[in-house]
C-alpha cells in the first residue's frame, strides 16, 4: 500500500505512478503539500 514518505498518509497507486520521484517514493501528498506545489514537483523531492 503506497504512502507519503513525508506524512505517512495513504496515496493511491495512480497518485504514486504520476507523482513519485525516480526512486519510486512519494515525498508529499495532498495532506501535507499544496496542490500547486505537487503539480510543480514537490512530491518528488524529499
PDB file of N, CA and C in Angstrom:
ATOM      1  N   UNK A   1       0.850  -1.172   0.000  1.00  0.00           N
ATOM      2  CA  UNK A   1       0.000   0.000   0.000  1.00  0.00           C
ATOM      3  C   UNK A   1       0.902   1.244   0.000  1.00  0.00           C
ATOM      4  N   UNK A   2       0.810   2.068  -1.043  1.00  0.00           N
ATOM      5  CA  UNK A   2       1.674   3.253  -1.126  1.00  0.00           C
ATOM      6  C   UNK A   2       1.303   4.304  -0.082  1.00  0.00           C
ATOM      7  N   UNK A   3       2.328   4.998   0.396  1.00  0.00           N
ATOM      8  CA  UNK A   3       2.094   6.060   1.364  1.00  0.00           C
ATOM      9  C   UNK A   3       3.078   7.191   1.137  1.00  0.00           C
ATOM     10  N   UNK A   4       2.712   8.348   1.632  1.00  0.00           N
ATOM     11  CA  UNK A   4       3.565   9.529   1.564  1.00  0.00           C
ATOM     12  C   UNK A   4       4.717   9.365   2.551  1.00  0.00           C
ATOM     13  N   UNK A   5       5.925   9.553   2.091  1.00  0.00           N
ATOM     14  CA  UNK A   5       7.094   9.438   2.958  1.00  0.00           C
ATOM     15  C   UNK A   5       7.244  10.648   3.869  1.00  0.00           C
ATOM     16  N   UNK A   6       6.561  11.733   3.555  1.00  0.00           N
ATOM     17  CA  UNK A   6       6.634  12.938   4.369  1.00  0.00           C
ATOM     18  C   UNK A   6       5.712  12.865   5.587  1.00  0.00           C
ATOM     19  N   UNK A   7       4.454  12.437   5.376  1.00  0.00           N
ATOM     20  CA  UNK A   7       3.494  12.458   6.490  1.00  0.00           C
ATOM     21  C   UNK A   7       2.885  11.095   6.806  1.00  0.00           C
ATOM     22  N   UNK A   8       3.111  10.097   5.956  1.00  0.00           N
ATOM     23  CA  UNK A   8       2.591   8.763   6.214  1.00  0.00           C
ATOM     24  C   UNK A   8       1.176   8.516   5.732  1.00  0.00           C
ATOM     25  N   UNK A   9       0.567   9.496   5.087  1.00  0.00           N
ATOM     26  CA  UNK A   9      -0.805   9.350   4.602  1.00  0.00           C
ATOM     27  C   UNK A   9      -0.864   8.392   3.418  1.00  0.00           C
ATOM     28  N   UNK A  10      -1.997   7.717   3.266  1.00  0.00           N
ATOM     29  CA  UNK A  10      -2.227   6.828   2.134  1.00  0.00           C
ATOM     30  C   UNK A  10      -2.287   7.638   0.852  1.00  0.00           C
ATOM     31  N   UNK A  11      -1.667   7.137  -0.205  1.00  0.00           N
ATOM     32  CA  UNK A  11      -1.821   7.703  -1.539  1.00  0.00           C
ATOM     33  C   UNK A  11      -2.223   6.572  -2.475  1.00  0.00           C
ATOM     34  N   UNK A  12      -2.991   6.900  -3.484  1.00  0.00           N
ATOM     35  CA  UNK A  12      -3.429   5.869  -4.419  1.00  0.00           C
ATOM     36  C   UNK A  12      -2.273   5.444  -5.316  1.00  0.00           C
ATOM     37  N   UNK A  13      -2.421   4.287  -5.936  1.00  0.00           N
ATOM     38  CA  UNK A  13      -1.405   3.808  -6.865  1.00  0.00           C
ATOM     39  C   UNK A  13      -1.294   4.756  -8.057  1.00  0.00           C
ATOM     40  N   UNK A  14      -2.401   5.345  -8.464  1.00  0.00           N
ATOM     41  CA  UNK A  14      -2.385   6.301  -9.563  1.00  0.00           C
ATOM     42  C   UNK A  14      -1.584   7.550  -9.186  1.00  0.00           C
ATOM     43  N   UNK A  15      -1.780   8.047  -7.966  1.00  0.00           N
ATOM     44  CA  UNK A  15      -1.021   9.204  -7.494  1.00  0.00           C
ATOM     45  C   UNK A  15       0.458   8.856  -7.467  1.00  0.00           C
ATOM     46  N   UNK A  16       0.777   7.691  -6.954  1.00  0.00           N
ATOM     47  CA  UNK A  16       2.170   7.243  -6.896  1.00  0.00           C
ATOM     48  C   UNK A  16       2.774   7.145  -8.304  1.00  0.00           C
ATOM     49  N   UNK A  17       2.023   6.592  -9.233  1.00  0.00           N
ATOM     50  CA  UNK A  17       2.506   6.429 -10.609  1.00  0.00           C
ATOM     51  C   UNK A  17       2.817   7.774 -11.243  1.00  0.00           C
ATOM     52  N   UNK A  18       1.980   8.773 -10.980  1.00  0.00           N
ATOM     53  CA  UNK A  18       2.135  10.084 -11.611  1.00  0.00           C
ATOM     54  C   UNK A  18       3.146  10.966 -10.879  1.00  0.00           C
ATOM     55  N   UNK A  19       3.121  10.968  -9.547  1.00  0.00           N
ATOM     56  CA  UNK A  19       3.883  11.958  -8.788  1.00  0.00           C
ATOM     57  C   UNK A  19       5.109  11.429  -8.052  1.00  0.00           C
ATOM     58  N   UNK A  20       5.362  10.142  -8.072  1.00  0.00           N
ATOM     59  CA  UNK A  20       6.546   9.608  -7.381  1.00  0.00           C
ATOM     60  C   UNK A  20       7.816  10.057  -8.094  1.00  0.00           C
ATOM     61  N   UNK A  21       8.878  10.169  -7.329  1.00  0.00           N
ATOM     62  CA  UNK A  21      10.169  10.531  -7.898  1.00  0.00           C
ATOM     63  C   UNK A  21      10.816   9.343  -8.578  1.00  0.00           C
ATOM     64  N   UNK A  22      12.015   9.533  -9.052  1.00  0.00           N
ATOM     65  CA  UNK A  22      12.743   8.459  -9.725  1.00  0.00           C
ATOM     66  C   UNK A  22      13.010   7.281  -8.800  1.00  0.00           C
ATOM     67  N   UNK A  23      13.049   7.539  -7.512  1.00  0.00           N
ATOM     68  CA  UNK A  23      13.255   6.466  -6.536  1.00  0.00           C
ATOM     69  C   UNK A  23      11.983   5.680  -6.261  1.00  0.00           C
ATOM     70  N   UNK A  24      10.863   6.103  -6.868  1.00  0.00           N
ATOM     71  CA  UNK A  24       9.590   5.424  -6.681  1.00  0.00           C
ATOM     72  C   UNK A  24       8.859   5.812  -5.414  1.00  0.00           C
ATOM     73  N   UNK A  25       9.382   6.768  -4.673  1.00  0.00           N
ATOM     74  CA  UNK A  25       8.783   7.211  -3.419  1.00  0.00           C
ATOM     75  C   UNK A  25       8.019   8.517  -3.619  1.00  0.00           C
ATOM     76  N   UNK A  26       6.929   8.673  -2.869  1.00  0.00           N
ATOM     77  CA  UNK A  26       6.162   9.916  -2.850  1.00  0.00           C
ATOM     78  C   UNK A  26       6.587  10.690  -1.610  1.00  0.00           C
ATOM     79  N   UNK A  27       7.095  11.903  -1.792  1.00  0.00           N
ATOM     80  CA  UNK A  27       7.601  12.705  -0.684  1.00  0.00           C
ATOM     81  C   UNK A  27       6.703  13.886  -0.354  1.00  0.00           C
ATOM     82  N   UNK A  28       5.458  13.832  -0.784  1.00  0.00           N
ATOM     83  CA  UNK A  28       4.480  14.868  -0.488  1.00  0.00           C
ATOM     84  C   UNK A  28       3.147  14.477  -1.103  1.00  0.00           C
ATOM     85  N   UNK A  29       2.070  14.771  -0.408  1.00  0.00           N
ATOM     86  CA  UNK A  29       0.735  14.414  -0.896  1.00  0.00           C
ATOM     87  C   UNK A  29      -0.219  15.568  -0.599  1.00  0.00           C
ATOM     88  N   UNK A  30      -1.481  15.384  -0.938  1.00  0.00           N
ATOM     89  CA  UNK A  30      -2.467  16.440  -0.718  1.00  0.00           C
ATOM     90  C   UNK A  30      -2.714  16.703   0.763  1.00  0.00           C
ATOM     91  N   UNK A  31      -2.319  15.800   1.629  1.00  0.00           N
ATOM     92  CA  UNK A  31      -2.483  16.012   3.076  1.00  0.00           C
ATOM     93  C   UNK A  31      -1.428  16.973   3.631  1.00  0.00           C
ATOM     94  N   UNK A  32      -0.222  16.977   3.041  1.00  0.00           N
ATOM     95  CA  UNK A  32       0.863  17.761   3.635  1.00  0.00           C
ATOM     96  C   UNK A  32       1.455  18.816   2.703  1.00  0.00           C
ATOM     97  N   UNK A  33       1.036  18.853   1.449  1.00  0.00           N
ATOM     98  CA  UNK A  33       1.539  19.842   0.491  1.00  0.00           C
ATOM     99  C   UNK A  33       0.362  20.469  -0.248  1.00  0.00           C
ATOM    100  N   UNK A  34       0.566  21.667  -0.744  1.00  0.00           N
ATOM    101  CA  UNK A  34      -0.464  22.322  -1.544  1.00  0.00           C
ATOM    102  C   UNK A  34      -0.498  21.719  -2.936  1.00  0.00           C
ATOM    103  N   UNK A  35      -1.670  21.729  -3.563  1.00  0.00           N
ATOM    104  CA  UNK A  35      -1.824  21.131  -4.898  1.00  0.00           C
ATOM    105  C   UNK A  35      -0.876  21.753  -5.908  1.00  0.00           C
ATOM    106  N   UNK A  36      -0.688  23.057  -5.833  1.00  0.00           N
ATOM    107  CA  UNK A  36       0.217  23.720  -6.766  1.00  0.00           C
ATOM    108  C   UNK A  36       1.646  23.232  -6.578  1.00  0.00           C
ATOM    109  N   UNK A  37       2.063  23.039  -5.345  1.00  0.00           N
ATOM    110  CA  UNK A  37       3.412  22.553  -5.074  1.00  0.00           C
ATOM    111  C   UNK A  37       3.604  21.145  -5.622  1.00  0.00           C
ATOM    112  N   UNK A  38       2.606  20.287  -5.471  1.00  0.00           N
ATOM    113  CA  UNK A  38       2.691  18.925  -6.002  1.00  0.00           C
ATOM    114  C   UNK A  38       2.771  18.979  -7.514  1.00  0.00           C
ATOM    115  N   UNK A  39       1.957  19.806  -8.127  1.00  0.00           N
ATOM    116  CA  UNK A  39       1.967  19.945  -9.593  1.00  0.00           C
ATOM    117  C   UNK A  39       3.339  20.399 -10.074  1.00  0.00           C
ATOM    118  N   UNK A  40       4.032  21.202  -9.286  1.00  0.00           N
ATOM    119  CA  UNK A  40       5.339  21.722  -9.652  1.00  0.00           C
ATOM    120  C   UNK A  40       6.497  20.826  -9.215  1.00  0.00           C
ATOM    121  N   UNK A  41       6.191  19.621  -8.720  1.00  0.00           N
ATOM    122  CA  UNK A  41       7.230  18.654  -8.432  1.00  0.00           C
ATOM    123  C   UNK A  41       7.579  18.429  -6.972  1.00  0.00           C
ATOM    124  N   UNK A  42       6.855  19.003  -6.044  1.00  0.00           N
ATOM    125  CA  UNK A  42       7.189  18.870  -4.623  1.00  0.00           C
ATOM    126  C   UNK A  42       7.068  17.440  -4.119  1.00  0.00           C
ATOM    127  N   UNK A  43       6.246  16.612  -4.755  1.00  0.00           N
ATOM    128  CA  UNK A  43       6.060  15.231  -4.298  1.00  0.00           C
ATOM    129  C   UNK A  43       7.262  14.361  -4.617  1.00  0.00           C
ATOM    130  N   UNK A  44       8.131  14.811  -5.501  1.00  0.00           N
ATOM    131  CA  UNK A  44       9.298  14.008  -5.882  1.00  0.00           C
ATOM    132  C   UNK A  44      10.510  14.321  -5.031  1.00  0.00           C
ATOM    133  N   UNK A  45      10.459  15.398  -4.276  1.00  0.00           N
ATOM    134  CA  UNK A  45      11.613  15.837  -3.502  1.00  0.00           C
ATOM    135  C   UNK A  45      11.465  15.489  -2.036  1.00  0.00           C
ATOM    136  N   UNK A  46      12.541  15.071  -1.434  1.00  0.00           N
ATOM    137  CA  UNK A  46      12.497  14.733  -0.004  1.00  0.00           C
ATOM    138  C   UNK A  46      12.807  15.923   0.862  1.00  0.00           C
TER     139      UNK A  46
END
